[in-house]
Amino acid sequence: MTGTALSLVLILASVGMLTSMRSALDIQFGHVDREDATVITAEASNELADQLRSIPAITAVEPTTLTPVTLSAHTKSYSTTLTGLTPDTTMHGFRTPGGNTSRLPATGILLGAAAAEQLGVGVGDTVTVTPALGTARPERLEGLLDEPLGTYAYATETTAADIGGTGLHGYLLRFSGNADRDTLRAKVSALPGILADSDSHAVRDQLNQFLGLFWVFIATLLIFGTLLAFTVIYVTMTVNLAERTTELATLRAAGVPVRRLTASLAAENLTATLLAVPLGLAAGYLAAWALLRSFTSDMFTFGLTLGIAAPALAAAAVLSAAALSQLPAARLVGRIDIAHVVRERAPNEYPNGDEGEPPMATPGPATKLSVRALRTRWVVRAPITVYRIGLGFVFGTRLLMLEHIGRRSGRPRYVVLEVVDHPRSDQYIVVSGFGTRAQWYRNIIANPTVRISIGIRRSTPATATAMTRAESALALDRYIERHPKAWIKLRGTIKAATRAPLDTLPMVRLTTAGPRPQS
């Protein structure tokens, strides 16, 4: 079921973005940047390091250097920062592309995988490191790193000093768990020789503030996906039931209990939904991955993190929506007018169209519901929004959206119509259910230049031509032959809504500018 799959795609794509971004921040500030604060100093000083260690609530101090460098290999180059750390550092974690942890090598450098990809190098290759105001020096690439935020190079203090260049000196600090961070930062900043300091927690809070609008966007997408899931499933199942009114009435007339019919329908619909869930989950994973890839660059690396709970809850929500959709269906089955529907069940009962047919039978509940829908503006116009946001393909090729020009206003107008016939790859036949007084019909007579959207085609230029009575009859015969059950339902609905036989209503041929794309 397309509705089920589309619903899961929307839900998992938005949930995947939310959980993956959260996971990236947790990895960056929980496994990579393990220090609580960083201070930049005028120069390396053992005395300053001792002063930092003497401050209560500072439990660890490690020296570090930051040197701007340009890495080059195979005529390609990449500018980044070389960070020098102690060989047994506990302030920084080194995460490999496989998700494992690595240690700082005694010689050579570690480099972000995104930078290595741009340089076209791998582990064991030699990279030329050129520091700011220094000389180029070859270094062996000892390992690759996968860090969510930023792409940097790392080496021991000794290797960084050998590479040379002009950079910054500083210290990485770790606080005790109950430390007053603001008070500690004030004490650290007051020490002579401290040029600047940063708090890792403050950096993460600031990132969350910057991402505030993004979280709102993702939450909105998630809510929209959930609502669309329920709406699409509810409408699909209701329409499916309406199209089978004749079949259900016949079964009821044969003595099948209402309870058995509703149980059978529920089982059929839920089974179809259940079979569509794996496809929807797979498509949802793929959509979430593709959406994350669009945000990934050499400075940001996001891996898809969905876990088990999110897909399970999404599948449960879709199944719940499908189950709730059975409630109105059960009531509709109980209200079917058996006598009325059975009288209309044979499309060939009146071979001369409407000639000799009873004047007008009392419409049954399903027909009344359809007539009310045709006369309710928001119901008729609801599919237009789906087409205009690019999701019209969910209706397949049975429906199309016609964009026409108002004969008085000159503005674009829109209407969604059922395709009665598709005789050629560049032609679609539609019927004006409300006759020649329908506004869209009067507009295309005044200006036959239109655009249509159907299936995967959007806003395709076309020309509208009113068909003759003979051409309309031929198209109607083909429609009855292909969709006998839908014809029974459509005939009763149109007659009840317009008081006119369907074979007297005008039909329009829409001819596109190009051939229909092959699926």
Protein backbone atom coordinates (compact mmCIF):
# COMPACT_ATOMS: atom_id res chain seq x y z
CA MET A 1 0.00 0.00 0.00
CA THR A 2 1.53 3.27 -1.17
CA GLY A 3 0.02 5.28 1.69
CA THR A 4 1.61 3.04 4.32
CA ALA A 5 5.04 3.17 2.67
CA LEU A 6 4.89 6.96 2.19
CA SER A 7 3.83 7.47 5.81
CA LEU A 8 6.76 5.42 7.10
CA VAL A 9 9.16 7.30 4.80
CA LEU A 10 8.08 10.67 6.20
CA ILE A 11 8.17 9.49 9.81
CA LEU A 12 11.52 7.68 9.63
CA ALA A 13 13.20 10.45 7.60
CA SER A 14 12.32 13.05 10.25
CA VAL A 15 13.04 10.77 13.22
CA GLY A 16 16.31 9.67 11.60
CA MET A 17 17.46 13.28 11.27
CA LEU A 18 16.55 14.02 14.89
CA THR A 19 18.18 10.95 16.45
CA SER A 20 21.25 11.09 14.19
CA MET A 21 21.98 14.75 14.95
CA ARG A 22 21.58 14.09 18.66
CA SER A 23 23.86 11.07 18.39
CA ALA A 24 26.49 13.14 16.55
CA LEU A 25 26.56 15.73 19.35
CA ASP A 26 26.79 12.98 21.99
CA ILE A 27 29.74 11.39 20.16
CA GLN A 28 31.54 14.70 19.68
CA PHE A 29 31.23 15.93 23.26
CA GLY A 30 31.14 12.58 25.02
CA HIS A 31 33.73 10.45 23.19
CA VAL A 32 35.91 12.83 21.14
CA ASP A 33 36.19 16.10 23.07
CA ARG A 34 36.49 14.71 26.60
CA GLU A 35 37.94 17.83 28.22
CA ASP A 36 35.72 20.21 30.20
CA ALA A 37 37.59 23.36 29.16
CA THR A 38 40.47 24.57 26.98
CA VAL A 39 42.74 27.51 27.76
CA ILE A 40 45.08 29.27 25.32
CA THR A 41 48.31 30.67 26.75
CA ALA A 42 50.96 33.10 25.59
CA GLU A 43 53.58 30.33 25.77
CA ALA A 44 54.15 26.89 27.28
CA SER A 45 55.01 27.21 30.96
CA ASN A 46 55.46 24.57 33.65
CA GLU A 47 54.73 27.21 36.26
CA LEU A 48 51.35 28.01 34.69
CA ALA A 49 50.53 24.31 34.48
CA ASP A 50 51.26 23.94 38.21
CA GLN A 51 49.06 26.95 38.98
CA LEU A 52 46.20 25.35 37.05
CA ARG A 53 46.64 22.05 38.91
CA SER A 54 46.59 23.88 42.25
CA ILE A 55 43.06 25.22 41.68
CA PRO A 56 40.53 23.11 43.60
CA ALA A 57 38.05 21.12 41.45
CA ILE A 58 40.52 20.90 38.48
CA THR A 59 41.37 17.19 38.45
CA ALA A 60 43.59 16.95 35.34
CA VAL A 61 45.69 19.24 33.15
CA GLU A 62 47.27 18.30 29.80
CA PRO A 63 49.34 20.50 27.49
CA THR A 64 48.32 20.91 23.84
CA THR A 65 49.39 22.81 20.73
CA LEU A 66 47.32 24.04 17.79
CA THR A 67 49.17 24.69 14.52
CA PRO A 68 47.57 25.72 11.19
CA VAL A 69 48.91 23.38 8.50
CA THR A 70 48.37 22.53 4.85
CA LEU A 71 48.39 18.84 3.95
CA SER A 72 49.20 17.86 0.38
CA ALA A 73 49.43 14.67 -1.69
CA HIS A 74 48.96 13.80 -5.36
CA THR A 75 48.82 17.51 -6.34
CA LYS A 76 45.89 18.02 -3.95
CA SER A 77 45.93 20.03 -0.73
CA TYR A 78 43.78 20.49 2.37
CA SER A 79 44.07 23.15 5.07
CA THR A 80 43.31 22.19 8.66
CA THR A 81 44.73 22.33 12.21
CA LEU A 82 47.37 19.99 13.62
CA THR A 83 46.69 19.31 17.29
CA GLY A 84 49.62 18.15 19.43
CA LEU A 85 48.72 16.02 22.48
CA THR A 86 50.46 13.92 25.09
CA PRO A 87 50.93 10.28 23.91
CA ASP A 88 48.66 8.88 26.62
CA THR A 89 46.06 11.66 26.49
CA THR A 90 42.75 11.11 28.23
CA MET A 91 41.28 14.45 27.14
CA HIS A 92 40.68 13.49 23.50
CA GLY A 93 39.21 10.32 22.03
CA PHE A 94 40.16 8.99 18.61
CA ARG A 95 37.19 7.37 16.86
CA THR A 96 37.83 5.31 13.72
CA PRO A 97 35.40 5.11 10.76
CA GLY A 98 34.37 1.68 12.00
CA GLY A 99 33.23 3.12 15.34
CA ASN A 100 36.18 1.74 17.33
CA THR A 101 38.72 3.74 19.35
CA SER A 102 42.38 4.27 18.49
CA ARG A 103 45.47 5.57 20.26
CA LEU A 104 47.80 8.39 19.31
CA PRO A 105 50.77 6.88 17.41
CA ALA A 106 54.34 7.58 18.58
CA THR A 107 55.24 8.83 15.08
CA GLY A 108 53.24 10.04 12.10
CA ILE A 109 49.79 11.59 12.21
CA LEU A 110 46.11 10.72 12.47
CA LEU A 111 43.77 12.45 10.02
CA GLY A 112 40.01 12.83 9.50
CA ALA A 113 38.65 10.42 6.89
CA ALA A 114 36.98 13.25 4.91
CA ALA A 115 40.32 15.06 4.45
CA ALA A 116 42.08 11.81 3.48
CA GLU A 117 39.38 11.19 0.86
CA GLN A 118 39.90 14.64 -0.63
CA LEU A 119 43.66 14.08 -0.74
CA GLY A 120 43.25 10.59 -2.16
CA VAL A 121 45.42 8.93 0.51
CA GLY A 122 45.01 6.02 2.89
CA VAL A 123 46.68 4.50 5.93
CA GLY A 124 50.41 3.99 5.29
CA ASP A 125 50.69 6.73 2.65
CA THR A 126 52.96 9.74 3.04
CA VAL A 127 51.43 13.20 3.41
CA THR A 128 53.40 16.45 3.12
CA VAL A 129 52.69 18.71 6.11
CA THR A 130 53.44 22.42 5.65
CA PRO A 131 52.95 24.44 8.87
CA ALA A 132 52.27 28.18 8.98
CA LEU A 133 55.62 30.01 8.71
CA GLY A 134 57.42 26.66 8.56
CA THR A 135 58.93 24.23 6.09
CA ALA A 136 57.27 21.25 4.46
CA ARG A 137 57.85 17.87 6.11
CA PRO A 138 56.70 14.39 5.01
CA GLU A 139 54.73 12.38 7.58
CA ARG A 140 53.27 8.89 7.46
CA LEU A 141 49.48 8.62 7.78
CA GLU A 142 49.04 6.15 10.64
CA GLY A 143 45.24 6.11 10.89
CA LEU A 144 41.93 7.63 9.88
CA LEU A 145 39.38 9.25 12.19
CA ASP A 146 35.63 9.77 12.02
CA GLU A 147 34.63 12.86 14.02
CA PRO A 148 31.14 14.36 13.59
CA LEU A 149 32.27 18.01 13.81
CA GLY A 150 35.41 19.12 11.98
CA THR A 151 38.24 17.35 10.17
CA TYR A 152 41.61 17.75 11.89
CA ALA A 153 45.07 16.17 12.12
CA TYR A 154 46.56 14.86 15.38
CA ALA A 155 50.07 13.97 16.51
CA THR A 156 52.12 13.68 19.69
CA GLU A 157 53.65 16.83 21.17
CA THR A 158 57.05 15.65 20.00
CA THR A 159 55.94 15.10 16.40
CA ALA A 160 54.09 18.43 16.36
CA ALA A 161 57.21 20.20 17.67
CA ASP A 162 59.36 18.53 14.99
CA ILE A 163 56.96 19.73 12.29
CA GLY A 164 57.39 23.22 13.75
CA GLY A 165 55.63 26.32 12.47
CA THR A 166 53.80 29.04 14.33
CA GLY A 167 50.82 27.96 16.41
CA LEU A 168 49.12 28.31 19.77
CA HIS A 169 49.95 26.74 23.12
CA GLY A 170 47.33 25.76 25.64
CA TYR A 171 46.05 23.29 28.21
CA LEU A 172 43.11 20.90 28.35
CA LEU A 173 41.34 20.86 31.71
CA ARG A 174 39.04 18.42 33.45
CA PHE A 175 36.76 19.47 36.31
CA SER A 176 35.33 17.45 39.18
CA GLY A 177 31.69 16.44 38.87
CA ASN A 178 30.31 18.94 41.41
CA ALA A 179 32.45 21.88 40.29
CA ASP A 180 30.99 25.37 39.85
CA ARG A 181 32.05 25.88 36.24
CA ASP A 182 31.52 29.64 36.17
CA THR A 183 33.61 30.14 39.30
CA LEU A 184 36.37 27.88 37.94
CA ARG A 185 36.50 29.72 34.63
CA ALA A 186 36.76 33.03 36.48
CA LYS A 187 39.74 31.75 38.51
CA VAL A 188 41.43 30.31 35.42
CA SER A 189 40.94 33.50 33.39
CA ALA A 190 42.52 35.56 36.20
CA LEU A 191 45.84 33.71 35.99
CA PRO A 192 48.65 35.62 34.24
CA GLY A 193 49.51 34.25 30.80
CA ILE A 194 45.96 33.05 29.99
CA LEU A 195 44.83 34.56 26.69
CA ALA A 196 41.47 32.83 26.20
CA ASP A 197 39.39 29.95 27.48
CA SER A 198 36.40 27.93 26.30
CA ASP A 199 33.96 25.64 28.10
CA SER A 200 32.94 22.46 26.25
CA HIS A 201 29.50 22.49 27.88
CA ALA A 202 28.95 26.11 26.83
CA VAL A 203 29.99 25.24 23.26
CA ARG A 204 27.48 22.40 23.16
CA ASP A 205 24.72 24.62 24.57
CA GLN A 206 25.48 27.24 21.92
CA LEU A 207 25.32 24.62 19.17
CA ASN A 208 21.92 23.51 20.45
CA GLN A 209 20.73 27.13 20.31
CA PHE A 210 21.95 27.46 16.73
CA LEU A 211 20.14 24.22 15.88
CA GLY A 212 16.92 25.38 17.56
CA LEU A 213 15.22 26.28 14.28
CA PHE A 214 16.41 23.01 12.78
CA TRP A 215 14.83 21.04 15.65
CA VAL A 216 11.56 22.93 15.06
CA PHE A 217 11.71 22.05 11.36
CA ILE A 218 12.32 18.35 12.10
CA ALA A 219 9.54 18.29 14.73
CA THR A 220 7.14 19.91 12.24
CA LEU A 221 8.11 17.35 9.60
CA LEU A 222 7.50 14.54 12.10
CA ILE A 223 4.05 15.88 13.05
CA PHE A 224 3.18 16.37 9.37
CA GLY A 225 4.32 12.82 8.59
CA THR A 226 2.23 11.37 11.41
CA LEU A 227 -0.90 13.30 10.39
CA LEU A 228 -0.39 12.40 6.73
CA ALA A 229 0.04 8.76 7.71
CA PHE A 230 -3.33 8.69 9.44
CA THR A 231 -5.07 10.74 6.70
CA VAL A 232 -3.73 8.73 3.76
CA ILE A 233 -4.51 5.37 5.38
CA TYR A 234 -7.97 6.50 6.52
CA VAL A 235 -8.94 7.93 3.11
CA THR A 236 -7.50 4.97 1.20
CA MET A 237 -9.40 2.42 3.24
CA THR A 238 -12.64 4.43 3.18
CA VAL A 239 -12.48 4.79 -0.61
CA ASN A 240 -11.69 1.08 -0.94
CA LEU A 241 -14.81 0.29 1.05
CA ALA A 242 -16.96 2.70 -0.95
CA GLU A 243 -15.85 1.08 -4.24
CA ARG A 244 -16.89 -2.33 -2.92
CA THR A 245 -20.37 -1.32 -1.77
CA THR A 246 -22.07 -3.55 -4.35
CA GLU A 247 -19.99 -6.58 -3.39
CA LEU A 248 -20.68 -6.05 0.32
CA ALA A 249 -24.42 -5.52 -0.26
CA THR A 250 -24.58 -8.76 -2.27
CA LEU A 251 -22.87 -10.65 0.55
CA ARG A 252 -25.25 -9.17 3.10
CA ALA A 253 -28.22 -10.07 0.90
CA ALA A 254 -26.86 -13.63 0.82
CA GLY A 255 -27.06 -13.73 4.62
CA VAL A 256 -23.45 -13.06 5.63
CA PRO A 257 -23.50 -11.39 9.10
CA VAL A 258 -22.27 -7.81 9.38
CA ARG A 259 -19.78 -8.83 12.06
CA ARG A 260 -18.16 -11.38 9.75
CA LEU A 261 -17.98 -8.85 6.90
CA THR A 262 -16.35 -6.17 9.04
CA ALA A 263 -13.91 -8.69 10.50
CA SER A 264 -13.01 -9.89 7.01
CA LEU A 265 -12.49 -6.32 5.77
CA ALA A 266 -10.41 -5.42 8.80
CA ALA A 267 -8.24 -8.50 8.37
CA GLU A 268 -7.77 -7.76 4.66
CA ASN A 269 -6.87 -4.11 5.19
CA LEU A 270 -4.56 -4.76 8.15
CA THR A 271 -2.84 -7.56 6.24
CA ALA A 272 -2.23 -5.22 3.31
CA THR A 273 -0.84 -2.61 5.71
CA LEU A 274 1.32 -5.19 7.45
CA LEU A 275 2.75 -6.38 4.14
CA ALA A 276 3.59 -2.79 3.20
CA VAL A 277 5.42 -2.12 6.48
CA PRO A 278 8.74 -3.83 5.50
CA LEU A 279 8.81 -1.93 2.21
CA GLY A 280 8.02 1.33 4.02
CA LEU A 281 10.71 0.70 6.65
CA ALA A 282 13.31 -0.02 3.96
CA ALA A 283 12.32 3.09 2.00
CA GLY A 284 12.31 5.12 5.23
CA TYR A 285 15.85 4.02 6.09
CA LEU A 286 16.98 4.93 2.57
CA ALA A 287 15.27 8.34 2.73
CA ALA A 288 16.76 9.11 6.15
CA TRP A 289 20.23 8.12 4.91
CA ALA A 290 19.89 10.25 1.77
CA LEU A 291 18.69 13.23 3.81
CA LEU A 292 21.67 12.94 6.16
CA ARG A 293 24.06 12.62 3.22
CA SER A 294 22.82 15.97 1.92
CA PHE A 295 24.12 17.61 5.13
CA THR A 296 27.44 15.73 5.18
CA SER A 297 30.66 17.48 4.14
CA ASP A 298 34.33 17.50 5.16
CA MET A 299 33.35 19.59 8.21
CA PHE A 300 30.25 17.64 9.24
CA THR A 301 29.91 13.86 9.28
CA PHE A 302 26.56 12.36 10.28
CA GLY A 303 25.92 8.63 10.47
CA LEU A 304 22.36 7.29 10.43
CA THR A 305 21.32 6.32 13.95
CA LEU A 306 17.77 4.99 14.23
CA GLY A 307 18.02 2.03 16.57
CA ILE A 308 15.15 -0.41 17.01
CA ALA A 309 12.66 1.69 18.99
CA ALA A 310 12.01 4.35 16.31
CA PRO A 311 11.11 1.94 13.44
CA ALA A 312 9.09 -0.22 15.83
CA LEU A 313 7.10 2.78 17.10
CA ALA A 314 6.60 4.07 13.54
CA ALA A 315 5.28 0.69 12.39
CA ALA A 316 3.03 0.50 15.47
CA ALA A 317 1.67 4.01 14.77
CA VAL A 318 0.86 3.13 11.14
CA LEU A 319 -0.83 -0.12 12.16
CA SER A 320 -2.80 1.75 14.82
CA ALA A 321 -3.95 4.28 12.21
CA ALA A 322 -5.03 1.39 9.99
CA ALA A 323 -6.92 -0.21 12.87
CA LEU A 324 -8.72 3.04 13.72
CA SER A 325 -9.73 3.38 10.08
CA GLN A 326 -11.83 0.23 10.43
CA LEU A 327 -14.29 1.85 12.86
CA PRO A 328 -16.15 4.05 10.33
CA ALA A 329 -15.90 1.20 7.83
CA ALA A 330 -17.73 -1.10 10.21
CA ARG A 331 -20.52 1.46 10.69
CA LEU A 332 -20.83 1.97 6.91
CA VAL A 333 -21.20 -1.77 6.28
CA GLY A 334 -24.07 -1.86 8.75
CA ARG A 335 -25.85 1.05 7.04
CA ILE A 336 -25.70 -0.27 3.45
CA ASP A 337 -29.08 -0.13 1.67
CA ILE A 338 -29.11 -3.69 0.34
CA ALA A 339 -32.14 -3.32 -1.91
CA HIS A 340 -30.90 -0.14 -3.58
CA VAL A 341 -27.37 -1.39 -4.24
CA VAL A 342 -28.43 -4.80 -5.53
CA ARG A 343 -30.82 -3.13 -8.00
CA GLU A 344 -27.83 -1.28 -9.51
CA ARG A 345 -25.23 -4.04 -9.37
CA ALA A 346 -25.40 -5.17 -13.02
CA PRO A 347 -23.88 -2.63 -15.44
CA ASN A 348 -25.61 -4.27 -18.41
CA GLU A 349 -29.05 -4.47 -16.86
CA TYR A 350 -30.08 -1.49 -18.96
CA PRO A 351 -28.23 -1.97 -22.25
CA ASN A 352 -29.29 1.39 -23.69
CA GLY A 353 -27.52 3.44 -21.05
CA ASP A 354 -30.10 5.15 -18.83
CA GLU A 355 -33.03 4.45 -21.16
CA GLY A 356 -35.73 2.43 -19.38
CA GLU A 357 -34.03 2.79 -15.99
CA PRO A 358 -36.17 3.64 -12.97
CA PRO A 359 -36.57 7.41 -12.57
CA MET A 360 -34.34 7.81 -9.50
CA ALA A 361 -33.87 5.24 -6.75
CA THR A 362 -33.40 6.47 -3.21
CA PRO A 363 -29.64 6.91 -2.77
CA GLY A 364 -27.98 4.54 -0.33
CA PRO A 365 -25.63 5.64 2.50
CA ALA A 366 -22.48 5.22 0.37
CA THR A 367 -23.98 7.27 -2.46
CA LYS A 368 -25.15 9.96 -0.05
CA LEU A 369 -21.65 10.13 1.45
CA SER A 370 -20.09 10.50 -2.01
CA VAL A 371 -22.60 13.19 -3.03
CA ARG A 372 -21.93 15.12 0.15
CA ALA A 373 -18.19 14.89 -0.54
CA LEU A 374 -18.67 16.22 -4.10
CA ARG A 375 -20.60 19.19 -2.71
CA THR A 376 -18.10 19.93 0.08
CA ARG A 377 -15.49 22.40 -1.15
CA TRP A 378 -12.63 21.47 1.23
CA VAL A 379 -13.02 17.75 0.49
CA VAL A 380 -12.94 18.31 -3.28
CA ARG A 381 -9.95 20.66 -3.06
CA ALA A 382 -7.92 18.63 -0.51
CA PRO A 383 -6.05 16.58 -3.18
CA ILE A 384 -4.92 19.83 -4.84
CA THR A 385 -2.56 20.52 -1.93
CA VAL A 386 -1.09 17.03 -2.26
CA TYR A 387 -0.38 17.62 -5.97
CA ARG A 388 1.07 21.11 -5.45
CA ILE A 389 3.62 19.93 -2.87
CA GLY A 390 4.83 17.27 -5.31
CA LEU A 391 3.15 14.19 -3.79
CA GLY A 392 0.47 13.70 -6.45
CA PHE A 393 2.06 10.40 -7.47
CA VAL A 394 0.36 8.75 -4.45
CA PHE A 395 -2.91 8.90 -6.44
CA GLY A 396 -1.36 6.99 -9.35
CA THR A 397 -2.72 7.64 -12.85
CA ARG A 398 -6.44 7.35 -12.05
CA LEU A 399 -6.50 11.05 -11.08
CA LEU A 400 -4.88 14.17 -12.50
CA MET A 401 -4.68 17.83 -11.48
CA LEU A 402 -5.76 20.28 -14.18
CA GLU A 403 -4.31 23.81 -14.03
CA HIS A 404 -6.46 26.19 -16.06
CA ILE A 405 -6.81 29.97 -16.39
CA GLY A 406 -9.81 31.82 -14.98
CA ARG A 407 -11.78 33.33 -17.85
CA ARG A 408 -12.43 36.52 -15.88
CA SER A 409 -9.58 36.80 -13.37
CA GLY A 410 -6.81 35.51 -15.64
CA ARG A 411 -5.32 33.70 -12.65
CA PRO A 412 -4.33 30.02 -12.45
CA ARG A 413 -7.06 27.74 -11.12
CA TYR A 414 -6.80 24.08 -10.11
CA VAL A 415 -9.10 21.06 -10.06
CA VAL A 416 -8.48 17.32 -9.54
CA LEU A 417 -10.37 15.02 -11.94
CA GLU A 418 -10.64 11.28 -12.57
CA VAL A 419 -9.11 9.98 -15.80
CA VAL A 420 -11.92 8.29 -17.74
CA ASP A 421 -9.72 7.09 -20.60
CA HIS A 422 -6.09 7.19 -21.75
CA PRO A 423 -6.29 6.24 -25.45
CA ARG A 424 -2.78 7.44 -26.38
CA SER A 425 0.44 8.18 -24.56
CA ASP A 426 -0.18 11.92 -24.96
CA GLN A 427 -3.94 12.01 -24.31
CA TYR A 428 -6.12 11.88 -21.21
CA ILE A 429 -9.92 11.97 -21.16
CA VAL A 430 -11.80 13.59 -18.24
CA VAL A 431 -15.50 14.23 -17.62
CA SER A 432 -17.20 17.32 -16.24
CA GLY A 433 -19.34 15.82 -13.48
CA PHE A 434 -21.38 19.01 -13.11
CA GLY A 435 -21.88 19.48 -16.84
CA THR A 436 -21.19 22.60 -18.85
CA ARG A 437 -21.83 24.81 -15.83
CA ALA A 438 -18.69 23.60 -14.04
CA GLN A 439 -16.31 26.53 -13.67
CA TRP A 440 -13.26 24.62 -14.87
CA TYR A 441 -15.13 23.48 -18.01
CA ARG A 442 -16.22 27.03 -18.82
CA ASN A 443 -12.62 28.20 -18.29
CA ILE A 444 -11.06 25.67 -20.69
CA ILE A 445 -13.66 26.49 -23.34
CA ALA A 446 -12.57 30.14 -23.07
CA ASN A 447 -8.85 29.27 -22.94
CA PRO A 448 -7.87 25.69 -23.91
CA THR A 449 -4.19 26.14 -22.94
CA VAL A 450 -3.76 24.18 -19.68
CA ARG A 451 -1.24 22.22 -17.62
CA ILE A 452 -1.73 18.78 -16.08
CA SER A 453 -0.03 16.85 -13.26
CA ILE A 454 -0.45 13.06 -13.21
CA GLY A 455 1.70 10.32 -11.73
CA ILE A 456 5.30 11.52 -11.78
CA ARG A 457 4.55 14.25 -14.33
CA ARG A 458 4.19 17.77 -12.94
CA SER A 459 2.75 20.86 -14.64
CA THR A 460 2.98 19.44 -18.17
CA PRO A 461 1.68 21.81 -20.90
CA ALA A 462 -1.44 20.51 -22.66
CA THR A 463 -4.37 21.55 -24.83
CA ALA A 464 -7.99 20.93 -23.79
CA THR A 465 -10.58 19.98 -26.45
CA ALA A 466 -14.30 19.44 -25.84
CA MET A 467 -15.34 16.04 -27.26
CA THR A 468 -18.38 15.24 -29.38
CA ARG A 469 -21.25 13.10 -28.07
CA ALA A 470 -20.05 10.10 -30.13
CA GLU A 471 -16.44 10.43 -28.90
CA SER A 472 -17.67 10.71 -25.32
CA ALA A 473 -19.82 7.59 -25.65
CA LEU A 474 -16.86 5.57 -26.96
CA ALA A 475 -14.64 6.72 -24.07
CA LEU A 476 -17.41 5.91 -21.57
CA ASP A 477 -17.81 2.39 -23.00
CA ARG A 478 -14.10 1.73 -22.51
CA TYR A 479 -14.29 3.03 -18.92
CA ILE A 480 -17.26 0.75 -18.11
CA GLU A 481 -15.40 -2.23 -19.55
CA ARG A 482 -12.26 -1.58 -17.47
CA HIS A 483 -13.91 -0.43 -14.21
CA PRO A 484 -17.40 -1.97 -13.92
CA LYS A 485 -17.60 -1.66 -10.13
CA ALA A 486 -16.36 1.93 -10.11
CA TRP A 487 -18.88 2.72 -12.90
CA ILE A 488 -21.79 1.53 -10.78
CA LYS A 489 -20.69 3.74 -7.91
CA LEU A 490 -19.86 6.72 -10.13
CA ARG A 491 -23.14 6.53 -12.06
CA GLY A 492 -25.25 6.62 -8.92
CA THR A 493 -23.21 9.41 -7.34
CA ILE A 494 -23.25 11.69 -10.41
CA LYS A 495 -26.98 11.16 -10.95
CA ALA A 496 -27.75 11.92 -7.31
CA ALA A 497 -25.53 15.02 -7.34
CA THR A 498 -26.49 16.50 -10.74
CA ARG A 499 -29.84 14.85 -11.60
CA ALA A 500 -28.37 14.12 -15.03
CA PRO A 501 -27.37 10.78 -16.64
CA LEU A 502 -23.63 10.33 -16.84
CA ASP A 503 -23.64 9.61 -20.58
CA THR A 504 -24.97 13.12 -21.27
CA LEU A 505 -22.17 14.88 -19.43
CA PRO A 506 -19.45 16.62 -21.50
CA MET A 507 -16.02 15.05 -21.78
CA VAL A 508 -12.72 16.79 -22.48
CA ARG A 509 -9.62 15.48 -24.26
CA LEU A 510 -6.30 16.73 -22.79
CA THR A 511 -3.41 16.43 -25.25
CA THR A 512 0.07 16.94 -23.80
CA ALA A 513 3.02 18.50 -25.57
CA GLY A 514 5.20 15.36 -25.23
CA PRO A 515 4.89 11.57 -24.79
CA ARG A 516 4.21 10.03 -21.44
CA PRO A 517 7.43 8.81 -19.74
CA GLN A 518 7.83 5.06 -19.52
CA SER A 519 7.65 3.65 -16.00
